[in-house]
Amino acid sequence: MAEIIIIDTKYPQETKTIQVAPEDKINQECLIGRDSRCCIVLNDKLASRTHGKIAFRNGRHFYCDLGSRNGSKINNKN
């Protein structure tokens, strides 16, 4: 099972850890953002309504920024 850790660099105490079971999400996507319809909702005004998405394809997880205003970092890299 994969683990996704979302860290708000401004408020590190707001860190979220999410368990992802790939066998449950084959060829599905998970939206991340402020919008209540996202499967991972961020309570941060710097996050876009639909900030990014995580997809599971061919046995791997992929993250894609959806043109967010403030960008995204993975492993502290843009």
C-alpha atoms as a PDB file:
ATOM      1  CA  MET A   1       0.000   0.000   0.000  1.00  0.00           C
ATOM      2  CA  ALA A   2       1.346   3.423  -0.924  1.00  0.00           C
ATOM      3  CA  GLU A   3       1.366   6.364   1.428  1.00  0.00           C
ATOM      4  CA  ILE A   4       0.921   9.974   0.376  1.00  0.00           C
ATOM      5  CA  ILE A   5       2.122  12.667   2.766  1.00  0.00           C
ATOM      6  CA  ILE A   6       0.853  16.196   2.164  1.00  0.00           C
ATOM      7  CA  ILE A   7       2.881  18.838   4.006  1.00  0.00           C
ATOM      8  CA  ASP A   8       1.834  22.465   4.207  1.00  0.00           C
ATOM      9  CA  THR A   9       5.215  24.204   4.385  1.00  0.00           C
ATOM     10  CA  LYS A  10       3.636  27.239   6.058  1.00  0.00           C
ATOM     11  CA  TYR A  11       1.792  25.125   8.660  1.00  0.00           C
ATOM     12  CA  PRO A  12       3.700  21.825   9.017  1.00  0.00           C
ATOM     13  CA  GLN A  13       1.424  20.775  11.891  1.00  0.00           C
ATOM     14  CA  GLU A  14      -1.332  20.456   9.253  1.00  0.00           C
ATOM     15  CA  THR A  15       0.454  17.472   7.625  1.00  0.00           C
ATOM     16  CA  LYS A  16      -1.913  14.836   6.201  1.00  0.00           C
ATOM     17  CA  THR A  17      -1.022  11.188   5.608  1.00  0.00           C
ATOM     18  CA  ILE A  18      -3.235   9.221   3.244  1.00  0.00           C
ATOM     19  CA  GLN A  19      -3.062   5.482   2.577  1.00  0.00           C
ATOM     20  CA  VAL A  20      -3.654   4.540  -1.058  1.00  0.00           C
ATOM     21  CA  ALA A  21      -4.545   0.979  -2.000  1.00  0.00           C
ATOM     22  CA  PRO A  22      -3.614   0.671  -5.698  1.00  0.00           C
ATOM     23  CA  GLU A  23      -5.744  -2.396  -6.250  1.00  0.00           C
ATOM     24  CA  ASP A  24      -8.808  -0.286  -5.356  1.00  0.00           C
ATOM     25  CA  LYS A  25      -7.898   2.593  -7.670  1.00  0.00           C
ATOM     26  CA  ILE A  26      -6.740   0.948 -10.892  1.00  0.00           C
ATOM     27  CA  ASN A  27      -7.002   3.461 -13.739  1.00  0.00           C
ATOM     28  CA  GLN A  28      -8.733   5.980 -11.481  1.00  0.00           C
ATOM     29  CA  GLU A  29      -7.766   9.502 -10.498  1.00  0.00           C
ATOM     30  CA  CYS A  30      -7.962  11.373  -7.219  1.00  0.00           C
ATOM     31  CA  LEU A  31      -8.350  15.160  -7.366  1.00  0.00           C
ATOM     32  CA  ILE A  32      -6.615  17.305  -4.748  1.00  0.00           C
ATOM     33  CA  GLY A  33      -7.693  20.851  -3.920  1.00  0.00           C
ATOM     34  CA  ARG A  34      -9.974  23.156  -1.931  1.00  0.00           C
ATOM     35  CA  ASP A  35     -13.171  22.068  -3.684  1.00  0.00           C
ATOM     36  CA  SER A  36     -15.364  19.818  -1.531  1.00  0.00           C
ATOM     37  CA  ARG A  37     -15.742  17.441  -4.498  1.00  0.00           C
ATOM     38  CA  CYS A  38     -12.021  16.562  -4.397  1.00  0.00           C
ATOM     39  CA  CYS A  39     -11.155  13.247  -2.772  1.00  0.00           C
ATOM     40  CA  ILE A  40      -8.339  15.004  -0.871  1.00  0.00           C
ATOM     41  CA  VAL A  41      -9.572  18.392   0.356  1.00  0.00           C
ATOM     42  CA  LEU A  42      -6.977  21.005   1.332  1.00  0.00           C
ATOM     43  CA  ASN A  43      -8.013  23.730   3.746  1.00  0.00           C
ATOM     44  CA  ASP A  44      -5.511  26.301   2.489  1.00  0.00           C
ATOM     45  CA  LYS A  45      -6.200  29.490   0.553  1.00  0.00           C
ATOM     46  CA  LEU A  46      -2.932  28.983  -1.375  1.00  0.00           C
ATOM     47  CA  ALA A  47      -4.295  25.737  -2.816  1.00  0.00           C
ATOM     48  CA  SER A  48      -6.370  25.984  -5.989  1.00  0.00           C
ATOM     49  CA  ARG A  49      -9.909  24.605  -6.115  1.00  0.00           C
ATOM     50  CA  THR A  50      -8.558  21.701  -8.181  1.00  0.00           C
ATOM     51  CA  HIS A  51      -4.833  21.899  -7.493  1.00  0.00           C
ATOM     52  CA  GLY A  52      -3.625  18.560  -8.798  1.00  0.00           C
ATOM     53  CA  LYS A  53      -4.454  14.915  -9.271  1.00  0.00           C
ATOM     54  CA  ILE A  54      -2.995  11.534  -8.430  1.00  0.00           C
ATOM     55  CA  ALA A  55      -3.489   8.727 -10.917  1.00  0.00           C
ATOM     56  CA  PHE A  56      -2.651   5.026 -10.717  1.00  0.00           C
ATOM     57  CA  ARG A  57      -1.541   3.611 -14.066  1.00  0.00           C
ATOM     58  CA  ASN A  58       0.445   0.486 -14.945  1.00  0.00           C
ATOM     59  CA  GLY A  59       1.239  -0.274 -11.310  1.00  0.00           C
ATOM     60  CA  ARG A  60       2.554   3.224 -10.503  1.00  0.00           C
ATOM     61  CA  HIS A  61       1.227   6.422  -8.945  1.00  0.00           C
ATOM     62  CA  PHE A  62       1.577   9.685 -10.869  1.00  0.00           C
ATOM     63  CA  TYR A  63       0.963  13.256  -9.715  1.00  0.00           C
ATOM     64  CA  CYS A  64      -0.009  16.050 -12.087  1.00  0.00           C
ATOM     65  CA  ASP A  65      -0.365  19.719 -11.153  1.00  0.00           C
ATOM     66  CA  LEU A  66      -3.508  21.022 -12.869  1.00  0.00           C
ATOM     67  CA  GLY A  67      -2.185  24.526 -13.536  1.00  0.00           C
ATOM     68  CA  SER A  68      -2.400  25.654  -9.920  1.00  0.00           C
ATOM     69  CA  ARG A  69      -1.485  29.251  -9.242  1.00  0.00           C
ATOM     70  CA  ASN A  70       1.129  28.425  -6.581  1.00  0.00           C
ATOM     71  CA  GLY A  71       2.474  25.187  -8.026  1.00  0.00           C
ATOM     72  CA  SER A  72       3.265  21.853  -6.392  1.00  0.00           C
ATOM     73  CA  LYS A  73       6.355  20.167  -5.011  1.00  0.00           C
ATOM     74  CA  ILE A  74       7.137  16.472  -4.768  1.00  0.00           C
ATOM     75  CA  ASN A  75       9.986  15.503  -2.457  1.00  0.00           C
ATOM     76  CA  ASN A  76      10.679  19.237  -2.062  1.00  0.00           C
ATOM     77  CA  LYS A  77      11.220  19.695  -5.829  1.00  0.00           C
ATOM     78  CA  ASN A  78       9.084  21.690  -8.268  1.00  0.00           C
END
